Amino acid sequence: AFIIFASAVIVIALVLILVVAPARGQTNILVYIAICSLIGAFSVSSLKGLGITIKELVEKKPVFKNPLAYILIVTLVLSISIQINYLNKALDVFNTCIVTPIYYVMFTTTVVTCTVILFKEWNSMDLADIIGNISGFFILVIGIFLLHAFKNVEFSWNQLPSSIKKENQTLSIDYGSDDQHNLLGHMESPAMHCDDGNVFFNKADEQL
């Protein structure tokens, strides 16, 4: 499954780099970001593989005798170089507030897909945990878009609709008047509480 995924990613990335990017890269924001996101799947997975290699090296295992370690290093260097190159091109042409959320969503999606296929991390997870991870991802996506969409927007009390302000003011006045009436009523009629207490005790005596 990972070989199929990696082959598809490489073919799509090469088509974008060699064919689409020279023609549409300056006008379509998705071209450069798609290249960075697709190649980012290899950078994260190779970095995680190097982490496992370093862990085995600490445990004094002959990891550098295996050519996979060198393949991971070369893959990491190439993928990061391509990412930095095309990300800088996207930032030079398009606005940062637009590039950042789109790149975050596409990059995270490809990385999660790659790690799920390669490391099979979700095979040992319950359905509730998988749903929780997916829900958390969508919440982060929505939050990133909202932060960047309303980054330069300033809200004030005067910009709110007049009906909302009137309702809030009416509610505050009503609550305040009710509290004042209740407080004044309790302060002006202390004898009422005493009478209620006497009635209660008189009823209790009659029952005894």
C-alpha atoms as a PDB file:
ATOM      1  CA  ALA A   1       0.000   0.000   0.000  1.00  0.00           C
ATOM      2  CA  PHE A   2       2.818   2.424   0.805  1.00  0.00           C
ATOM      3  CA  ILE A   3       4.586   1.648  -2.490  1.00  0.00           C
ATOM      4  CA  ILE A   4       1.395   2.500  -4.384  1.00  0.00           C
ATOM      5  CA  PHE A   5       0.935   5.670  -2.348  1.00  0.00           C
ATOM      6  CA  ALA A   6       4.568   6.752  -2.780  1.00  0.00           C
ATOM      7  CA  SER A   7       4.500   6.041  -6.514  1.00  0.00           C
ATOM      8  CA  ALA A   8       1.324   8.087  -6.954  1.00  0.00           C
ATOM      9  CA  VAL A   9       2.762  10.982  -4.924  1.00  0.00           C
ATOM     10  CA  ILE A  10       6.005  10.992  -6.935  1.00  0.00           C
ATOM     11  CA  VAL A  11       4.178  10.927 -10.287  1.00  0.00           C
ATOM     12  CA  ILE A  12       1.794  13.727  -9.290  1.00  0.00           C
ATOM     13  CA  ALA A  13       4.641  15.829  -7.873  1.00  0.00           C
ATOM     14  CA  LEU A  14       6.719  15.414 -11.038  1.00  0.00           C
ATOM     15  CA  VAL A  15       3.759  16.417 -13.228  1.00  0.00           C
ATOM     16  CA  LEU A  16       3.175  19.496 -11.071  1.00  0.00           C
ATOM     17  CA  ILE A  17       6.862  20.470 -11.075  1.00  0.00           C
ATOM     18  CA  LEU A  18       7.602  19.867 -14.767  1.00  0.00           C
ATOM     19  CA  VAL A  19       4.287  20.677 -16.475  1.00  0.00           C
ATOM     20  CA  VAL A  20       1.848  22.603 -14.286  1.00  0.00           C
ATOM     21  CA  ALA A  21       4.173  24.848 -12.257  1.00  0.00           C
ATOM     22  CA  PRO A  22       5.821  26.647 -15.229  1.00  0.00           C
ATOM     23  CA  ALA A  23       2.421  27.376 -16.778  1.00  0.00           C
ATOM     24  CA  ARG A  24       0.111  27.976 -13.816  1.00  0.00           C
ATOM     25  CA  GLY A  25       2.370  28.415 -10.803  1.00  0.00           C
ATOM     26  CA  GLN A  26       2.241  32.214 -10.837  1.00  0.00           C
ATOM     27  CA  THR A  27      -1.537  32.386 -11.072  1.00  0.00           C
ATOM     28  CA  ASN A  28      -2.854  29.394  -9.117  1.00  0.00           C
ATOM     29  CA  ILE A  29      -1.970  29.212  -5.429  1.00  0.00           C
ATOM     30  CA  LEU A  30      -2.652  25.479  -5.198  1.00  0.00           C
ATOM     31  CA  VAL A  31       0.198  24.472  -7.521  1.00  0.00           C
ATOM     32  CA  TYR A  32       3.166  25.389  -5.323  1.00  0.00           C
ATOM     33  CA  ILE A  33       1.373  24.410  -2.139  1.00  0.00           C
ATOM     34  CA  ALA A  34       0.405  21.026  -3.577  1.00  0.00           C
ATOM     35  CA  ILE A  35       4.048  20.327  -4.435  1.00  0.00           C
ATOM     36  CA  CYS A  36       5.174  21.245  -0.901  1.00  0.00           C
ATOM     37  CA  SER A  37       2.424  19.163   0.682  1.00  0.00           C
ATOM     38  CA  LEU A  38       3.029  16.053  -1.403  1.00  0.00           C
ATOM     39  CA  ILE A  39       6.784  16.122  -0.875  1.00  0.00           C
ATOM     40  CA  GLY A  40       6.211  16.848   2.819  1.00  0.00           C
ATOM     41  CA  ALA A  41       4.802  13.364   3.266  1.00  0.00           C
ATOM     42  CA  PHE A  42       8.239  11.927   2.472  1.00  0.00           C
ATOM     43  CA  SER A  43      10.074  14.396   4.717  1.00  0.00           C
ATOM     44  CA  VAL A  44       7.991  13.554   7.782  1.00  0.00           C
ATOM     45  CA  SER A  45       8.041   9.802   7.215  1.00  0.00           C
ATOM     46  CA  SER A  46      11.796   9.748   6.558  1.00  0.00           C
ATOM     47  CA  LEU A  47      12.384  11.902   9.629  1.00  0.00           C
ATOM     48  CA  LYS A  48      10.393   9.470  11.724  1.00  0.00           C
ATOM     49  CA  GLY A  49      12.365   6.581  10.234  1.00  0.00           C
ATOM     50  CA  LEU A  50      15.622   8.342  11.126  1.00  0.00           C
ATOM     51  CA  GLY A  51      14.334   8.734  14.664  1.00  0.00           C
ATOM     52  CA  ILE A  52      13.859   4.972  14.875  1.00  0.00           C
ATOM     53  CA  THR A  53      17.347   4.523  13.387  1.00  0.00           C
ATOM     54  CA  ILE A  54      18.914   6.769  16.024  1.00  0.00           C
ATOM     55  CA  LYS A  55      17.059   4.886  18.743  1.00  0.00           C
ATOM     56  CA  GLU A  56      18.450   1.582  17.482  1.00  0.00           C
ATOM     57  CA  LEU A  57      21.899   3.146  17.188  1.00  0.00           C
ATOM     58  CA  VAL A  58      21.762   4.100  20.864  1.00  0.00           C
ATOM     59  CA  GLU A  59      20.883   0.492  21.604  1.00  0.00           C
ATOM     60  CA  LYS A  60      24.149  -0.441  19.788  1.00  0.00           C
ATOM     61  CA  LYS A  61      22.530  -2.103  16.818  1.00  0.00           C
ATOM     62  CA  PRO A  62      24.337  -2.099  13.424  1.00  0.00           C
ATOM     63  CA  VAL A  63      21.857   0.216  11.731  1.00  0.00           C
ATOM     64  CA  PHE A  64      24.315   1.911   9.366  1.00  0.00           C
ATOM     65  CA  LYS A  65      25.092  -1.405   7.730  1.00  0.00           C
ATOM     66  CA  ASN A  66      21.573  -1.295   6.347  1.00  0.00           C
ATOM     67  CA  PRO A  67      21.262   0.907   3.214  1.00  0.00           C
ATOM     68  CA  LEU A  68      17.806   2.055   4.368  1.00  0.00           C
ATOM     69  CA  ALA A  69      19.396   4.557   6.757  1.00  0.00           C
ATOM     70  CA  TYR A  70      21.227   6.291   3.900  1.00  0.00           C
ATOM     71  CA  ILE A  71      18.097   6.241   1.737  1.00  0.00           C
ATOM     72  CA  LEU A  72      16.222   7.986   4.534  1.00  0.00           C
ATOM     73  CA  ILE A  73      18.906  10.664   4.864  1.00  0.00           C
ATOM     74  CA  VAL A  74      18.931  11.376   1.118  1.00  0.00           C
ATOM     75  CA  THR A  75      15.126  11.432   0.983  1.00  0.00           C
ATOM     76  CA  LEU A  76      14.968  13.855   3.907  1.00  0.00           C
ATOM     77  CA  VAL A  77      17.479  16.275   2.377  1.00  0.00           C
ATOM     78  CA  LEU A  78      15.825  16.252  -1.061  1.00  0.00           C
ATOM     79  CA  SER A  79      12.280  16.599   0.233  1.00  0.00           C
ATOM     80  CA  ILE A  80      13.110  19.476   2.590  1.00  0.00           C
ATOM     81  CA  SER A  81      15.016  21.285  -0.177  1.00  0.00           C
ATOM     82  CA  ILE A  82      12.073  20.989  -2.575  1.00  0.00           C
ATOM     83  CA  GLN A  83       9.634  22.089   0.110  1.00  0.00           C
ATOM     84  CA  ILE A  84      11.630  25.191   1.021  1.00  0.00           C
ATOM     85  CA  ASN A  85      12.068  26.118  -2.629  1.00  0.00           C
ATOM     86  CA  TYR A  86       8.408  25.971  -3.615  1.00  0.00           C
ATOM     87  CA  LEU A  87       7.135  27.350  -0.322  1.00  0.00           C
ATOM     88  CA  ASN A  88       9.306  30.443  -0.828  1.00  0.00           C
ATOM     89  CA  LYS A  89       7.938  30.772  -4.353  1.00  0.00           C
ATOM     90  CA  ALA A  90       4.380  30.624  -3.028  1.00  0.00           C
ATOM     91  CA  LEU A  91       5.115  33.222  -0.358  1.00  0.00           C
ATOM     92  CA  ASP A  92       6.759  35.522  -2.917  1.00  0.00           C
ATOM     93  CA  VAL A  93       3.755  35.449  -5.231  1.00  0.00           C
ATOM     94  CA  PHE A  94       0.759  35.133  -2.916  1.00  0.00           C
ATOM     95  CA  ASN A  95      -0.338  36.570   0.407  1.00  0.00           C
ATOM     96  CA  THR A  96       0.927  34.853   3.546  1.00  0.00           C
ATOM     97  CA  CYS A  97      -2.528  34.887   5.142  1.00  0.00           C
ATOM     98  CA  ILE A  98      -3.791  32.768   2.255  1.00  0.00           C
ATOM     99  CA  VAL A  99      -0.776  30.485   1.848  1.00  0.00           C
ATOM    100  CA  THR A 100      -0.469  29.483   5.503  1.00  0.00           C
ATOM    101  CA  PRO A 101      -3.927  27.931   6.128  1.00  0.00           C
ATOM    102  CA  ILE A 102      -4.065  26.177   2.760  1.00  0.00           C
ATOM    103  CA  TYR A 103      -0.566  24.773   3.198  1.00  0.00           C
ATOM    104  CA  TYR A 104      -1.353  23.639   6.745  1.00  0.00           C
ATOM    105  CA  VAL A 105      -4.446  21.727   5.670  1.00  0.00           C
ATOM    106  CA  MET A 106      -2.909  20.062   2.615  1.00  0.00           C
ATOM    107  CA  PHE A 107       0.396  19.258   4.311  1.00  0.00           C
ATOM    108  CA  THR A 108      -1.267  17.757   7.394  1.00  0.00           C
ATOM    109  CA  THR A 109      -3.634  15.707   5.268  1.00  0.00           C
ATOM    110  CA  THR A 110      -0.862  14.133   3.189  1.00  0.00           C
ATOM    111  CA  VAL A 111       1.344  13.523   6.234  1.00  0.00           C
ATOM    112  CA  VAL A 112      -1.447  11.834   8.197  1.00  0.00           C
ATOM    113  CA  THR A 113      -2.333   9.693   5.178  1.00  0.00           C
ATOM    114  CA  CYS A 114       1.294   8.680   4.686  1.00  0.00           C
ATOM    115  CA  THR A 115       1.883   7.757   8.334  1.00  0.00           C
ATOM    116  CA  VAL A 116      -1.373   5.801   8.499  1.00  0.00           C
ATOM    117  CA  ILE A 117      -0.374   3.739   5.460  1.00  0.00           C
ATOM    118  CA  LEU A 118       3.315   3.311   6.324  1.00  0.00           C
ATOM    119  CA  PHE A 119       3.327   2.856  10.101  1.00  0.00           C
ATOM    120  CA  LYS A 120      -0.260   1.542  10.443  1.00  0.00           C
ATOM    121  CA  GLU A 121      -0.768   3.604  13.566  1.00  0.00           C
ATOM    122  CA  TRP A 122      -4.548   3.472  13.440  1.00  0.00           C
ATOM    123  CA  ASN A 123      -4.784  -0.303  13.307  1.00  0.00           C
ATOM    124  CA  SER A 124      -4.401  -0.561  17.084  1.00  0.00           C
ATOM    125  CA  MET A 125      -6.744   2.339  17.849  1.00  0.00           C
ATOM    126  CA  ASP A 126     -10.380   2.115  18.830  1.00  0.00           C
ATOM    127  CA  LEU A 127     -13.098   3.637  16.686  1.00  0.00           C
ATOM    128  CA  ALA A 128     -13.717   6.351  19.278  1.00  0.00           C
ATOM    129  CA  ASP A 129     -10.053   7.388  19.204  1.00  0.00           C
ATOM    130  CA  ILE A 130     -10.037   7.523  15.406  1.00  0.00           C
ATOM    131  CA  ILE A 131     -13.168   9.686  15.389  1.00  0.00           C
ATOM    132  CA  GLY A 132     -11.610  11.892  18.049  1.00  0.00           C
ATOM    133  CA  ASN A 133      -8.450  12.376  16.004  1.00  0.00           C
ATOM    134  CA  ILE A 134     -10.402  13.222  12.858  1.00  0.00           C
ATOM    135  CA  SER A 135     -12.651  15.621  14.781  1.00  0.00           C
ATOM    136  CA  GLY A 136      -9.641  17.313  16.359  1.00  0.00           C
ATOM    137  CA  PHE A 137      -8.046  17.713  12.956  1.00  0.00           C
ATOM    138  CA  PHE A 138     -11.148  19.400  11.524  1.00  0.00           C
ATOM    139  CA  ILE A 139     -11.379  21.683  14.566  1.00  0.00           C
ATOM    140  CA  LEU A 140      -7.769  22.762  14.037  1.00  0.00           C
ATOM    141  CA  VAL A 141      -8.437  23.347  10.346  1.00  0.00           C
ATOM    142  CA  ILE A 142     -11.451  25.532  11.085  1.00  0.00           C
ATOM    143  CA  GLY A 143      -9.544  27.417  13.772  1.00  0.00           C
ATOM    144  CA  ILE A 144      -6.603  28.117  11.449  1.00  0.00           C
ATOM    145  CA  PHE A 145      -8.905  29.431   8.740  1.00  0.00           C
ATOM    146  CA  LEU A 146     -10.810  31.646  11.173  1.00  0.00           C
ATOM    147  CA  LEU A 147      -7.629  33.063  12.682  1.00  0.00           C
ATOM    148  CA  HIS A 148      -6.222  34.020   9.317  1.00  0.00           C
ATOM    149  CA  ALA A 149      -9.538  35.148   7.837  1.00  0.00           C
ATOM    150  CA  PHE A 150     -10.250  37.578  10.682  1.00  0.00           C
ATOM    151  CA  LYS A 151      -6.641  38.431  11.462  1.00  0.00           C
ATOM    152  CA  ASN A 152      -6.905  42.112  10.500  1.00  0.00           C
ATOM    153  CA  VAL A 153     -10.566  42.601  11.381  1.00  0.00           C
ATOM    154  CA  GLU A 154     -11.337  44.670  14.469  1.00  0.00           C
ATOM    155  CA  PHE A 155     -14.685  44.411  16.217  1.00  0.00           C
ATOM    156  CA  SER A 156     -16.137  46.965  18.598  1.00  0.00           C
ATOM    157  CA  TRP A 157     -19.380  47.425  20.519  1.00  0.00           C
ATOM    158  CA  ASN A 158     -20.546  50.111  18.088  1.00  0.00           C
ATOM    159  CA  GLN A 159     -20.304  47.707  15.141  1.00  0.00           C
ATOM    160  CA  LEU A 160     -22.802  45.257  16.627  1.00  0.00           C
ATOM    161  CA  PRO A 161     -26.431  45.389  15.439  1.00  0.00           C
ATOM    162  CA  SER A 162     -28.607  47.807  17.385  1.00  0.00           C
ATOM    163  CA  SER A 163     -31.158  45.087  18.213  1.00  0.00           C
ATOM    164  CA  ILE A 164     -28.542  43.000  20.054  1.00  0.00           C
ATOM    165  CA  LYS A 165     -27.386  46.007  22.058  1.00  0.00           C
ATOM    166  CA  LYS A 166     -30.974  46.918  22.967  1.00  0.00           C
ATOM    167  CA  GLU A 167     -31.741  43.361  24.097  1.00  0.00           C
ATOM    168  CA  ASN A 168     -28.632  43.224  26.265  1.00  0.00           C
ATOM    169  CA  GLN A 169     -29.399  46.616  27.800  1.00  0.00           C
ATOM    170  CA  THR A 170     -33.031  45.613  28.464  1.00  0.00           C
ATOM    171  CA  LEU A 171     -31.973  42.381  30.118  1.00  0.00           C
ATOM    172  CA  SER A 172     -29.458  44.160  32.329  1.00  0.00           C
ATOM    173  CA  ILE A 173     -32.048  46.782  33.368  1.00  0.00           C
ATOM    174  CA  ASP A 174     -34.690  44.128  34.124  1.00  0.00           C
ATOM    175  CA  TYR A 175     -32.322  42.045  36.195  1.00  0.00           C
ATOM    176  CA  GLY A 176     -31.107  45.099  38.022  1.00  0.00           C
ATOM    177  CA  SER A 177     -34.645  46.376  38.824  1.00  0.00           C
ATOM    178  CA  ASP A 178     -35.797  42.942  40.005  1.00  0.00           C
ATOM    179  CA  ASP A 179     -32.831  42.625  42.316  1.00  0.00           C
ATOM    180  CA  GLN A 180     -33.395  46.110  43.684  1.00  0.00           C
ATOM    181  CA  HIS A 181     -37.128  45.486  44.297  1.00  0.00           C
ATOM    182  CA  ASN A 182     -36.435  42.189  46.036  1.00  0.00           C
ATOM    183  CA  LEU A 183     -33.728  43.732  48.168  1.00  0.00           C
ATOM    184  CA  LEU A 184     -35.918  46.718  49.123  1.00  0.00           C
ATOM    185  CA  GLY A 185     -38.845  44.434  49.863  1.00  0.00           C
ATOM    186  CA  HIS A 186     -36.777  42.339  52.248  1.00  0.00           C
ATOM    187  CA  MET A 187     -35.374  45.428  53.928  1.00  0.00           C
ATOM    188  CA  GLU A 188     -38.728  47.208  54.337  1.00  0.00           C
ATOM    189  CA  SER A 189     -40.716  44.276  55.748  1.00  0.00           C
ATOM    190  CA  PRO A 190     -38.630  42.459  58.369  1.00  0.00           C
ATOM    191  CA  ALA A 191     -41.760  41.885  60.423  1.00  0.00           C
ATOM    192  CA  MET A 192     -43.139  39.649  57.709  1.00  0.00           C
ATOM    193  CA  HIS A 193     -40.381  37.114  58.329  1.00  0.00           C
ATOM    194  CA  CYS A 194     -41.062  37.217  62.055  1.00  0.00           C
ATOM    195  CA  ASP A 195     -44.803  36.677  61.477  1.00  0.00           C
ATOM    196  CA  ASP A 196     -44.059  33.736  59.211  1.00  0.00           C
ATOM    197  CA  GLY A 197     -41.824  32.283  61.899  1.00  0.00           C
ATOM    198  CA  ASN A 198     -44.466  32.713  64.598  1.00  0.00           C
ATOM    199  CA  VAL A 199     -47.090  31.021  62.427  1.00  0.00           C
ATOM    200  CA  PHE A 200     -44.737  28.096  61.839  1.00  0.00           C
ATOM    201  CA  PHE A 201     -44.050  27.619  65.538  1.00  0.00           C
ATOM    202  CA  ASN A 202     -47.745  28.035  66.471  1.00  0.00           C
ATOM    203  CA  LYS A 203     -48.686  25.300  63.975  1.00  0.00           C
ATOM    204  CA  ALA A 204     -45.993  23.074  65.398  1.00  0.00           C
ATOM    205  CA  ASP A 205     -47.284  23.579  68.972  1.00  0.00           C
ATOM    206  CA  GLU A 206     -50.857  22.813  67.920  1.00  0.00           C
ATOM    207  CA  GLN A 207     -49.720  19.548  66.306  1.00  0.00           C
ATOM    208  CA  LEU A 208     -47.859  18.547  69.470  1.00  0.00           C
END
